[in-house]
Each structure stands twice: as structure tokens, then as C-alpha cells.
Amino acid sequence: MASASISTITDPGEFVTRFIENIEQSHFTAAMDMVSDDCEYDNVPITKVFGKDAMIAILSEFMAEATKIEWLIHHQVSSGDMEHGVVMNERTDSFEMDGRWIELDIAGLFVVSEGKIALWRDYFDRESFTKALASK
């Protein structure tokens, strides 16, 4: 399915879906171009950082360990527009590491402001994630 250029996207939900697709397809730079320079990234049970550079530092290190990434969106709702929109989704984030898959159930919140993701907050169970990583 051909998708629209990010500059033509008018719905914050579609924008977040494209962001996730870029991550899954290893288009990390394209995904980070969709984020504001002062973005807040809150990985709730682990850490919160401010600014695109800090987000890139955290994500690139973790994602470099994965040979494949698949994020399945089960449900997603959005409101607003590209000037100020809110998107919430329920996902299963899967990472292939060392030949096996690690899955993590996520509840995500994204705030889109002035055409960029200004807040990305993911909620998940830290203990489940830690156990999955330890058994890899």
C-alpha cells in the first residue's frame, strides 16, 4: 500500500502510524525527523528524557541490538489536528534479538504539536520486560 508523504498527512493518528512504520522498517532517521527538537520521551517505568538528541541516544542503542522490529497496533484513537493532536494506542512491540523474539505490551500516548511529535510516552510492565531481556 502506497502511503502519503509526511508533509501531506493531516491526521495525527496517521502521522503516528507512519512514525511507527518508519521504526519498523529501520528508517530511524526518517522517524526522528518526525519528532520535535524539544520532544519529551517518557519510557515510564525506566526513564524520561528531553530533546531529540537524548531520545536518539537512548533508542539507537537499544534498537541496534534488534535485528528486526515489529510493532503491532491493536487499537488506536486520535483527536485534534497536526497543530495539536493527541494519539493513544495499545500495541505489542516485538524485537528480534539473538535469534529470538521479545514481546512487550505497550500503552502509548503521543502529542503532536506543530506537525511534529512533541511527547511520546509508553507505559509497560518493567518486570515483564526485564525477564524477557534476561532470558534472551
C-alpha atoms as a PDB file:
ATOM      1  CA  MET A   1       0.000   0.000   0.000  1.00  0.00           C
ATOM      2  CA  ALA A   2       1.490   3.340  -1.022  1.00  0.00           C
ATOM      3  CA  SER A   3       1.442   5.910   1.709  1.00  0.00           C
ATOM      4  CA  ALA A   4       1.356   9.674   1.626  1.00  0.00           C
ATOM      5  CA  SER A   5       4.369  11.870   2.206  1.00  0.00           C
ATOM      6  CA  ILE A   6       4.521  13.000   5.828  1.00  0.00           C
ATOM      7  CA  SER A   7       4.103  16.584   4.657  1.00  0.00           C
ATOM      8  CA  THR A   8       0.633  15.735   3.296  1.00  0.00           C
ATOM      9  CA  ILE A   9      -0.602  13.948   6.431  1.00  0.00           C
ATOM     10  CA  THR A  10      -3.349  15.920   8.160  1.00  0.00           C
ATOM     11  CA  ASP A  11      -4.410  13.384  10.818  1.00  0.00           C
ATOM     12  CA  PRO A  12      -2.264  12.913  13.948  1.00  0.00           C
ATOM     13  CA  GLY A  13      -3.218   9.210  14.117  1.00  0.00           C
ATOM     14  CA  GLU A  14      -1.953   8.624  10.587  1.00  0.00           C
ATOM     15  CA  PHE A  15       1.203  10.583  11.472  1.00  0.00           C
ATOM     16  CA  VAL A  16       1.933   8.368  14.497  1.00  0.00           C
ATOM     17  CA  THR A  17       1.236   5.244  12.438  1.00  0.00           C
ATOM     18  CA  ARG A  18       3.783   6.460   9.872  1.00  0.00           C
ATOM     19  CA  PHE A  19       6.272   7.135  12.688  1.00  0.00           C
ATOM     20  CA  ILE A  20       5.870   3.541  13.888  1.00  0.00           C
ATOM     21  CA  GLU A  21       6.185   2.193  10.321  1.00  0.00           C
ATOM     22  CA  ASN A  22       9.451   4.096   9.906  1.00  0.00           C
ATOM     23  CA  ILE A  23      10.816   2.491  13.074  1.00  0.00           C
ATOM     24  CA  GLU A  24       9.716  -0.978  11.973  1.00  0.00           C
ATOM     25  CA  GLN A  25      11.295  -0.540   8.533  1.00  0.00           C
ATOM     26  CA  SER A  26      14.607   0.616  10.048  1.00  0.00           C
ATOM     27  CA  HIS A  27      14.090   4.168   8.773  1.00  0.00           C
ATOM     28  CA  PHE A  28      15.253   5.541  12.106  1.00  0.00           C
ATOM     29  CA  THR A  29      16.397   8.891  10.718  1.00  0.00           C
ATOM     30  CA  ALA A  30      13.039   9.412   8.994  1.00  0.00           C
ATOM     31  CA  ALA A  31      11.251   8.569  12.261  1.00  0.00           C
ATOM     32  CA  MET A  32      13.378  11.020  14.224  1.00  0.00           C
ATOM     33  CA  ASP A  33      12.683  13.723  11.613  1.00  0.00           C
ATOM     34  CA  MET A  34       9.038  13.443  12.742  1.00  0.00           C
ATOM     35  CA  VAL A  35       9.961  14.427  16.314  1.00  0.00           C
ATOM     36  CA  SER A  36      10.345  17.990  17.629  1.00  0.00           C
ATOM     37  CA  ASP A  37      13.794  19.102  18.773  1.00  0.00           C
ATOM     38  CA  ASP A  38      12.497  19.561  22.335  1.00  0.00           C
ATOM     39  CA  CYS A  39      10.418  16.372  22.428  1.00  0.00           C
ATOM     40  CA  GLU A  40       9.766  14.657  25.742  1.00  0.00           C
ATOM     41  CA  TYR A  41      10.299  10.888  25.573  1.00  0.00           C
ATOM     42  CA  ASP A  42       8.966   9.130  28.644  1.00  0.00           C
ATOM     43  CA  ASN A  43       9.564   5.419  28.864  1.00  0.00           C
ATOM     44  CA  VAL A  44       7.507   5.399  32.039  1.00  0.00           C
ATOM     45  CA  PRO A  45       8.945   2.574  34.111  1.00  0.00           C
ATOM     46  CA  ILE A  46      12.535   3.211  33.012  1.00  0.00           C
ATOM     47  CA  THR A  47      13.476   6.783  32.144  1.00  0.00           C
ATOM     48  CA  LYS A  48      12.365  10.173  30.857  1.00  0.00           C
ATOM     49  CA  VAL A  49      14.495  12.351  28.600  1.00  0.00           C
ATOM     50  CA  PHE A  50      14.028  15.715  26.944  1.00  0.00           C
ATOM     51  CA  GLY A  51      15.160  16.641  23.453  1.00  0.00           C
ATOM     52  CA  LYS A  52      15.543  14.752  20.214  1.00  0.00           C
ATOM     53  CA  ASP A  53      19.273  14.137  20.762  1.00  0.00           C
ATOM     54  CA  ALA A  54      18.651  12.437  24.117  1.00  0.00           C
ATOM     55  CA  MET A  55      15.855  10.357  22.572  1.00  0.00           C
ATOM     56  CA  ILE A  56      18.105   9.269  19.709  1.00  0.00           C
ATOM     57  CA  ALA A  57      20.867   8.288  22.145  1.00  0.00           C
ATOM     58  CA  ILE A  58      18.537   6.021  24.140  1.00  0.00           C
ATOM     59  CA  LEU A  59      16.635   4.498  21.238  1.00  0.00           C
ATOM     60  CA  SER A  60      19.514   3.948  18.838  1.00  0.00           C
ATOM     61  CA  GLU A  61      21.468   1.954  21.414  1.00  0.00           C
ATOM     62  CA  PHE A  62      18.536  -0.333  22.193  1.00  0.00           C
ATOM     63  CA  MET A  63      17.321  -0.696  18.608  1.00  0.00           C
ATOM     64  CA  ALA A  64      20.812  -1.510  17.359  1.00  0.00           C
ATOM     65  CA  GLU A  65      20.560  -4.763  19.331  1.00  0.00           C
ATOM     66  CA  ALA A  66      17.426  -5.807  17.416  1.00  0.00           C
ATOM     67  CA  THR A  67      17.732  -7.473  14.022  1.00  0.00           C
ATOM     68  CA  LYS A  68      14.001  -6.913  13.409  1.00  0.00           C
ATOM     69  CA  ILE A  69      11.343  -4.703  14.943  1.00  0.00           C
ATOM     70  CA  GLU A  70       7.583  -5.209  14.640  1.00  0.00           C
ATOM     71  CA  TRP A  71       5.080  -3.016  16.455  1.00  0.00           C
ATOM     72  CA  LEU A  72       1.523  -4.240  16.116  1.00  0.00           C
ATOM     73  CA  ILE A  73      -1.094  -1.592  16.844  1.00  0.00           C
ATOM     74  CA  HIS A  74      -4.175  -3.296  18.303  1.00  0.00           C
ATOM     75  CA  HIS A  75      -6.238  -0.155  18.948  1.00  0.00           C
ATOM     76  CA  GLN A  76      -5.604   3.498  18.264  1.00  0.00           C
ATOM     77  CA  VAL A  77      -7.618   6.651  18.838  1.00  0.00           C
ATOM     78  CA  SER A  78      -6.748  10.204  17.985  1.00  0.00           C
ATOM     79  CA  SER A  79      -8.165  13.683  18.289  1.00  0.00           C
ATOM     80  CA  GLY A  80      -7.195  17.115  17.117  1.00  0.00           C
ATOM     81  CA  ASP A  81      -5.068  18.030  14.146  1.00  0.00           C
ATOM     82  CA  MET A  82      -1.410  18.411  13.212  1.00  0.00           C
ATOM     83  CA  GLU A  83      -1.175  21.692  15.131  1.00  0.00           C
ATOM     84  CA  HIS A  84      -2.294  19.992  18.344  1.00  0.00           C
ATOM     85  CA  GLY A  85      -3.344  16.373  18.333  1.00  0.00           C
ATOM     86  CA  VAL A  86      -3.358  13.514  20.792  1.00  0.00           C
ATOM     87  CA  VAL A  87      -2.956   9.859  19.844  1.00  0.00           C
ATOM     88  CA  MET A  88      -3.301   6.867  22.156  1.00  0.00           C
ATOM     89  CA  ASN A  89      -2.611   3.320  21.128  1.00  0.00           C
ATOM     90  CA  GLU A  90      -2.362  -0.168  22.502  1.00  0.00           C
ATOM     91  CA  ARG A  91       0.497  -2.092  20.889  1.00  0.00           C
ATOM     92  CA  THR A  92       2.629  -5.161  21.107  1.00  0.00           C
ATOM     93  CA  ASP A  93       6.221  -4.177  20.425  1.00  0.00           C
ATOM     94  CA  SER A  94       8.350  -7.099  19.285  1.00  0.00           C
ATOM     95  CA  PHE A  95      12.120  -7.127  18.918  1.00  0.00           C
ATOM     96  CA  GLU A  96      14.155  -9.938  17.396  1.00  0.00           C
ATOM     97  CA  MET A  97      17.360 -10.246  19.416  1.00  0.00           C
ATOM     98  CA  ASP A  98      19.895 -13.038  19.224  1.00  0.00           C
ATOM     99  CA  GLY A  99      17.558 -15.131  17.078  1.00  0.00           C
ATOM    100  CA  ARG A 100      14.514 -14.922  19.330  1.00  0.00           C
ATOM    101  CA  TRP A 101      11.603 -12.539  19.734  1.00  0.00           C
ATOM    102  CA  ILE A 102      10.973 -10.402  22.806  1.00  0.00           C
ATOM    103  CA  GLU A 103       7.423  -9.031  23.076  1.00  0.00           C
ATOM    104  CA  LEU A 104       6.206  -6.178  25.188  1.00  0.00           C
ATOM    105  CA  ASP A 105       2.618  -4.987  25.673  1.00  0.00           C
ATOM    106  CA  ILE A 106       2.520  -1.187  25.458  1.00  0.00           C
ATOM    107  CA  ALA A 107       0.026   1.605  26.048  1.00  0.00           C
ATOM    108  CA  GLY A 108       1.344   4.639  24.183  1.00  0.00           C
ATOM    109  CA  LEU A 109       0.498   8.326  24.248  1.00  0.00           C
ATOM    110  CA  PHE A 110       1.694  10.780  21.614  1.00  0.00           C
ATOM    111  CA  VAL A 111       1.123  14.513  21.437  1.00  0.00           C
ATOM    112  CA  VAL A 112       1.574  16.070  18.013  1.00  0.00           C
ATOM    113  CA  SER A 113       2.291  19.781  18.039  1.00  0.00           C
ATOM    114  CA  GLU A 114       3.000  21.989  15.037  1.00  0.00           C
ATOM    115  CA  GLY A 115       3.436  18.964  12.766  1.00  0.00           C
ATOM    116  CA  LYS A 116       5.885  17.025  14.963  1.00  0.00           C
ATOM    117  CA  ILE A 117       5.696  14.556  17.833  1.00  0.00           C
ATOM    118  CA  ALA A 118       6.280  16.675  20.945  1.00  0.00           C
ATOM    119  CA  LEU A 119       5.588  13.977  23.548  1.00  0.00           C
ATOM    120  CA  TRP A 120       5.946  10.210  23.336  1.00  0.00           C
ATOM    121  CA  ARG A 121       5.063   8.299  26.488  1.00  0.00           C
ATOM    122  CA  ASP A 122       4.972   4.498  26.686  1.00  0.00           C
ATOM    123  CA  TYR A 123       3.565   2.550  29.624  1.00  0.00           C
ATOM    124  CA  PHE A 124       4.524  -1.099  30.133  1.00  0.00           C
ATOM    125  CA  ASP A 125       5.368  -3.609  32.841  1.00  0.00           C
ATOM    126  CA  ARG A 126       9.060  -3.252  33.632  1.00  0.00           C
ATOM    127  CA  GLU A 127       9.321  -6.627  35.350  1.00  0.00           C
ATOM    128  CA  SER A 128       7.994  -8.492  32.300  1.00  0.00           C
ATOM    129  CA  PHE A 129      10.412  -6.621  30.058  1.00  0.00           C
ATOM    130  CA  THR A 130      13.381  -7.280  32.360  1.00  0.00           C
ATOM    131  CA  LYS A 131      12.555 -11.005  32.489  1.00  0.00           C
ATOM    132  CA  ALA A 132      12.214 -11.185  28.710  1.00  0.00           C
ATOM    133  CA  LEU A 133      15.594  -9.484  28.210  1.00  0.00           C
ATOM    134  CA  ALA A 134      17.288 -11.684  30.815  1.00  0.00           C
ATOM    135  CA  SER A 135      16.119 -14.857  29.073  1.00  0.00           C
ATOM    136  CA  LYS A 136      17.391 -13.780  25.652  1.00  0.00           C
END
